[in-house]
Amino acid sequence: MPINNDGIMIILSSPSGAGKTTLVNLLSKLDNFEISISHTTRQPRQNEIPNKDYYFTDEKEFKRLIGNSEFLEYAKVFNNLYGTTRTPVIDKLNKGKDVLFDIDWQGADQIKNNKLDYKLITFFILPPSKEVLFERLSNRHMKDKLIVEERMKQFERDVLHWINYDYVIINDDLNKCYEKILKLIKAEKNDDSKDYDLEFIRNHVEKLTS
């Protein structure tokens, strides 16, 4: 049975290109924070290390894990499967580790619906504008304009899920975004007051979707 010394779960989600993976990696360098490593059926990107960035697997093995109910959450994103296996996460939490999740809104919904007996804080990361997002995606996928177009279309759908998160953070400046997330995590842990302007976020989302 979980006790107060257990770790907490921290989810970061975002539309593709908004910066959640970079932020998760920054947070993971702090004491007591550990990334939950996801399984995926997609091919490794350049510089990604198997069993460190992801557990790269094929669809047959992924579906076997689904059949054995081994996933805490899983989803299909851009025609690839992603999922978080339950046992490593629970083990880390029981050892008092704070577990970071780099997952999309589908996975976040599943973890919330699981109602695990551990504290959960959810963050949704947004770009400062659609123009900045387009620029970031174009730099990432320089050789494939179709991928950029697909990601921008998906952005229009993904952004609508902001309302289901505890906090929405705008990634205009990476360091400031990181510091804001860290302050909110600390405030949640210590039950302190939170510096968070929901009306500002609501107005920003309206600009992104207009």
Protein backbone atom coordinates (compact mmCIF):
# COMPACT_ATOMS: atom_id res chain seq x y z
CA MET A 1 0.00 0.00 0.00
CA PRO A 2 1.51 3.35 -1.02
CA ILE A 3 2.66 5.62 1.80
CA ASN A 4 3.73 9.27 1.98
CA ASN A 5 7.33 8.37 1.11
CA ASP A 6 6.25 7.13 -2.31
CA GLY A 7 7.24 9.01 -5.44
CA ILE A 8 4.87 11.07 -7.55
CA MET A 9 3.94 10.77 -11.23
CA ILE A 10 4.59 13.77 -13.47
CA ILE A 11 3.18 13.74 -17.00
CA LEU A 12 4.37 16.08 -19.73
CA SER A 13 2.37 16.08 -22.95
CA SER A 14 2.44 18.39 -25.93
CA PRO A 15 1.70 18.61 -29.62
CA SER A 16 4.67 17.38 -31.67
CA GLY A 17 7.45 19.98 -31.68
CA ALA A 18 6.41 21.92 -28.57
CA GLY A 19 9.33 20.63 -26.51
CA LYS A 20 8.10 18.07 -23.98
CA THR A 21 10.93 15.57 -24.55
CA THR A 22 13.62 18.23 -24.04
CA LEU A 23 11.90 19.35 -20.83
CA VAL A 24 11.55 15.78 -19.53
CA ASN A 25 15.26 15.20 -20.17
CA LEU A 26 16.15 18.39 -18.25
CA LEU A 27 13.99 17.40 -15.28
CA SER A 28 15.45 13.89 -15.24
CA LYS A 29 18.88 15.33 -14.40
CA LEU A 30 17.59 16.40 -10.98
CA ASP A 31 17.92 14.17 -7.93
CA ASN A 32 15.12 11.64 -7.51
CA PHE A 33 13.55 12.20 -10.95
CA GLU A 34 13.50 9.26 -13.35
CA ILE A 35 12.05 8.95 -16.83
CA SER A 36 9.59 6.18 -17.55
CA ILE A 37 10.98 4.57 -20.71
CA SER A 38 8.26 3.81 -23.26
CA HIS A 39 8.00 0.93 -25.70
CA THR A 40 7.48 1.95 -29.32
CA THR A 41 7.16 0.30 -32.72
CA ARG A 42 8.67 3.29 -34.56
CA GLN A 43 12.22 3.30 -35.88
CA PRO A 44 14.93 5.00 -33.77
CA ARG A 45 15.76 8.58 -34.72
CA GLN A 46 19.35 9.67 -35.18
CA ASN A 47 21.14 9.84 -31.79
CA GLU A 48 18.42 7.82 -29.98
CA ILE A 49 19.78 5.01 -27.86
CA PRO A 50 17.77 1.74 -27.56
CA ASN A 51 16.75 0.87 -23.97
CA LYS A 52 17.60 4.41 -22.87
CA ASP A 53 15.38 6.67 -24.99
CA TYR A 54 12.87 3.96 -25.90
CA TYR A 55 12.45 0.21 -25.90
CA PHE A 56 12.22 -0.30 -29.66
CA THR A 57 10.13 -3.32 -30.54
CA ASP A 58 7.99 -4.73 -33.35
CA GLU A 59 4.21 -4.75 -33.56
CA LYS A 60 3.92 -8.45 -32.74
CA GLU A 61 5.78 -8.04 -29.42
CA PHE A 62 3.87 -4.86 -28.62
CA LYS A 63 0.54 -6.61 -29.12
CA ARG A 64 1.71 -9.50 -26.94
CA LEU A 65 2.31 -6.99 -24.12
CA ILE A 66 -1.18 -5.54 -24.69
CA GLY A 67 -2.66 -9.04 -24.53
CA ASN A 68 -0.89 -9.68 -21.22
CA SER A 69 -2.25 -6.39 -19.78
CA GLU A 70 1.30 -5.20 -19.13
CA PHE A 71 0.75 -1.59 -20.20
CA LEU A 72 -0.22 1.20 -17.84
CA GLU A 73 -1.08 3.15 -20.97
CA TYR A 74 -0.62 2.79 -24.71
CA ALA A 75 -1.68 4.65 -27.82
CA LYS A 76 -1.24 4.85 -31.56
CA VAL A 77 0.48 8.08 -32.62
CA PHE A 78 1.35 8.86 -36.25
CA ASN A 79 0.86 5.18 -37.21
CA ASN A 80 3.24 3.93 -34.51
CA LEU A 81 2.42 2.32 -31.17
CA TYR A 82 3.73 3.73 -27.88
CA GLY A 83 3.20 2.34 -24.39
CA THR A 84 4.35 2.38 -20.76
CA THR A 85 4.71 -0.95 -18.97
CA ARG A 86 3.24 -0.98 -15.47
CA THR A 87 5.79 -2.88 -13.34
CA PRO A 88 8.87 -0.62 -13.73
CA VAL A 89 6.78 2.47 -12.95
CA ILE A 90 5.26 1.01 -9.78
CA ASP A 91 8.68 -0.24 -8.63
CA LYS A 92 10.21 3.24 -8.99
CA LEU A 93 7.30 4.93 -7.21
CA ASN A 94 7.47 2.47 -4.32
CA LYS A 95 11.18 3.28 -3.95
CA GLY A 96 10.30 6.97 -3.58
CA LYS A 97 11.37 8.00 -7.08
CA ASP A 98 9.43 10.70 -8.93
CA VAL A 99 8.56 9.29 -12.35
CA LEU A 100 8.45 11.48 -15.47
CA PHE A 101 6.22 10.52 -18.39
CA ASP A 102 6.80 11.84 -21.91
CA ILE A 103 3.44 10.79 -23.39
CA ASP A 104 0.57 12.20 -25.43
CA TRP A 105 -2.95 13.09 -24.26
CA GLN A 106 -4.26 9.57 -24.94
CA GLY A 107 -1.74 8.04 -22.55
CA ALA A 108 -2.32 10.78 -19.98
CA ASP A 109 -6.05 10.06 -20.00
CA GLN A 110 -5.43 6.34 -19.47
CA ILE A 111 -3.09 6.92 -16.52
CA LYS A 112 -5.62 9.28 -14.91
CA ASN A 113 -8.41 6.77 -15.45
CA ASN A 114 -6.30 4.04 -13.80
CA LYS A 115 -6.63 6.03 -10.55
CA LEU A 116 -3.39 4.69 -9.10
CA ASP A 117 -2.83 5.50 -5.44
CA TYR A 118 0.05 7.89 -6.14
CA LYS A 119 0.07 11.66 -6.54
CA LEU A 120 -0.19 12.71 -10.19
CA ILE A 121 0.64 16.12 -11.71
CA THR A 122 -0.04 16.74 -15.40
CA PHE A 123 1.48 19.41 -17.67
CA PHE A 124 0.55 20.30 -21.24
CA ILE A 125 3.27 22.18 -23.14
CA LEU A 126 2.28 24.63 -25.89
CA PRO A 127 4.33 26.64 -28.40
CA PRO A 128 4.23 30.45 -28.30
CA SER A 129 2.61 30.49 -31.76
CA LYS A 130 1.77 28.29 -34.72
CA GLU A 131 4.51 30.07 -36.69
CA VAL A 132 7.17 29.07 -34.13
CA LEU A 133 5.87 25.49 -34.09
CA PHE A 134 6.02 25.32 -37.88
CA GLU A 135 9.61 26.56 -37.79
CA ARG A 136 10.61 23.99 -35.16
CA LEU A 137 8.98 21.13 -37.06
CA SER A 138 10.54 22.28 -40.35
CA ASN A 139 13.99 22.23 -38.74
CA ARG A 140 13.37 18.73 -37.36
CA HIS A 141 11.96 17.31 -40.61
CA MET A 142 13.94 19.31 -43.16
CA LYS A 143 13.70 16.63 -45.84
CA ASP A 144 9.99 15.88 -45.57
CA LYS A 145 7.42 18.67 -45.90
CA LEU A 146 4.58 16.12 -45.77
CA ILE A 147 5.56 15.16 -42.20
CA VAL A 148 5.50 18.83 -41.19
CA GLU A 149 2.04 19.29 -42.73
CA GLU A 150 0.77 16.16 -40.96
CA ARG A 151 2.15 17.39 -37.61
CA MET A 152 0.55 20.82 -38.06
CA LYS A 153 -2.84 19.24 -38.81
CA GLN A 154 -2.48 17.02 -35.74
CA PHE A 155 -1.63 20.11 -33.67
CA GLU A 156 -5.10 21.52 -34.40
CA ARG A 157 -6.60 18.40 -32.80
CA ASP A 158 -4.09 17.92 -29.96
CA VAL A 159 -4.33 21.47 -28.63
CA LEU A 160 -8.01 20.92 -27.77
CA HIS A 161 -6.98 18.56 -24.94
CA TRP A 162 -5.27 21.31 -22.90
CA ILE A 163 -8.32 21.59 -20.65
CA ASN A 164 -7.73 18.07 -19.21
CA TYR A 165 -4.36 18.97 -17.67
CA ASP A 166 -3.51 20.46 -14.28
CA TYR A 167 -1.21 23.04 -15.84
CA VAL A 168 -0.55 24.40 -19.32
CA ILE A 169 2.90 25.94 -19.86
CA ILE A 170 3.97 27.99 -22.89
CA ASN A 171 7.42 27.03 -24.14
CA ASP A 172 8.60 30.39 -25.45
CA ASP A 173 11.92 30.27 -23.60
CA LEU A 174 13.13 26.76 -22.67
CA ASN A 175 14.83 27.75 -19.40
CA LYS A 176 11.89 29.83 -18.18
CA CYS A 177 9.48 27.04 -19.12
CA TYR A 178 11.61 24.52 -17.21
CA GLU A 179 11.81 26.77 -14.13
CA LYS A 180 8.03 27.30 -14.16
CA ILE A 181 7.37 23.55 -14.27
CA LEU A 182 9.85 22.97 -11.46
CA LYS A 183 8.25 25.65 -9.26
CA LEU A 184 4.79 24.16 -9.80
CA ILE A 185 6.03 20.65 -8.95
CA LYS A 186 7.59 21.96 -5.73
CA ALA A 187 4.43 23.92 -4.87
CA GLU A 188 2.31 20.78 -5.42
CA LYS A 189 4.64 18.68 -3.25
CA ASN A 190 4.66 21.22 -0.41
CA ASP A 191 0.99 22.21 -0.81
CA ASP A 192 2.07 25.84 -1.37
CA SER A 193 0.31 28.52 -3.42
CA LYS A 194 0.76 28.25 -7.19
CA ASP A 195 1.77 31.01 -9.57
CA TYR A 196 -0.58 30.10 -12.42
CA ASP A 197 -2.82 32.31 -14.55
CA LEU A 198 -5.54 30.18 -16.13
CA GLU A 199 -7.15 33.12 -17.93
CA PHE A 200 -3.84 33.93 -19.66
CA ILE A 201 -3.60 30.31 -20.83
CA ARG A 202 -7.19 30.33 -22.05
CA ASN A 203 -6.51 33.45 -24.13
CA HIS A 204 -3.33 31.91 -25.55
CA VAL A 205 -5.18 28.75 -26.62
CA GLU A 206 -7.81 30.92 -28.33
CA LYS A 207 -5.06 32.63 -30.35
CA LEU A 208 -3.54 29.28 -31.32
CA THR A 209 -6.89 27.90 -32.50
CA SER A 210 -8.32 30.99 -34.21
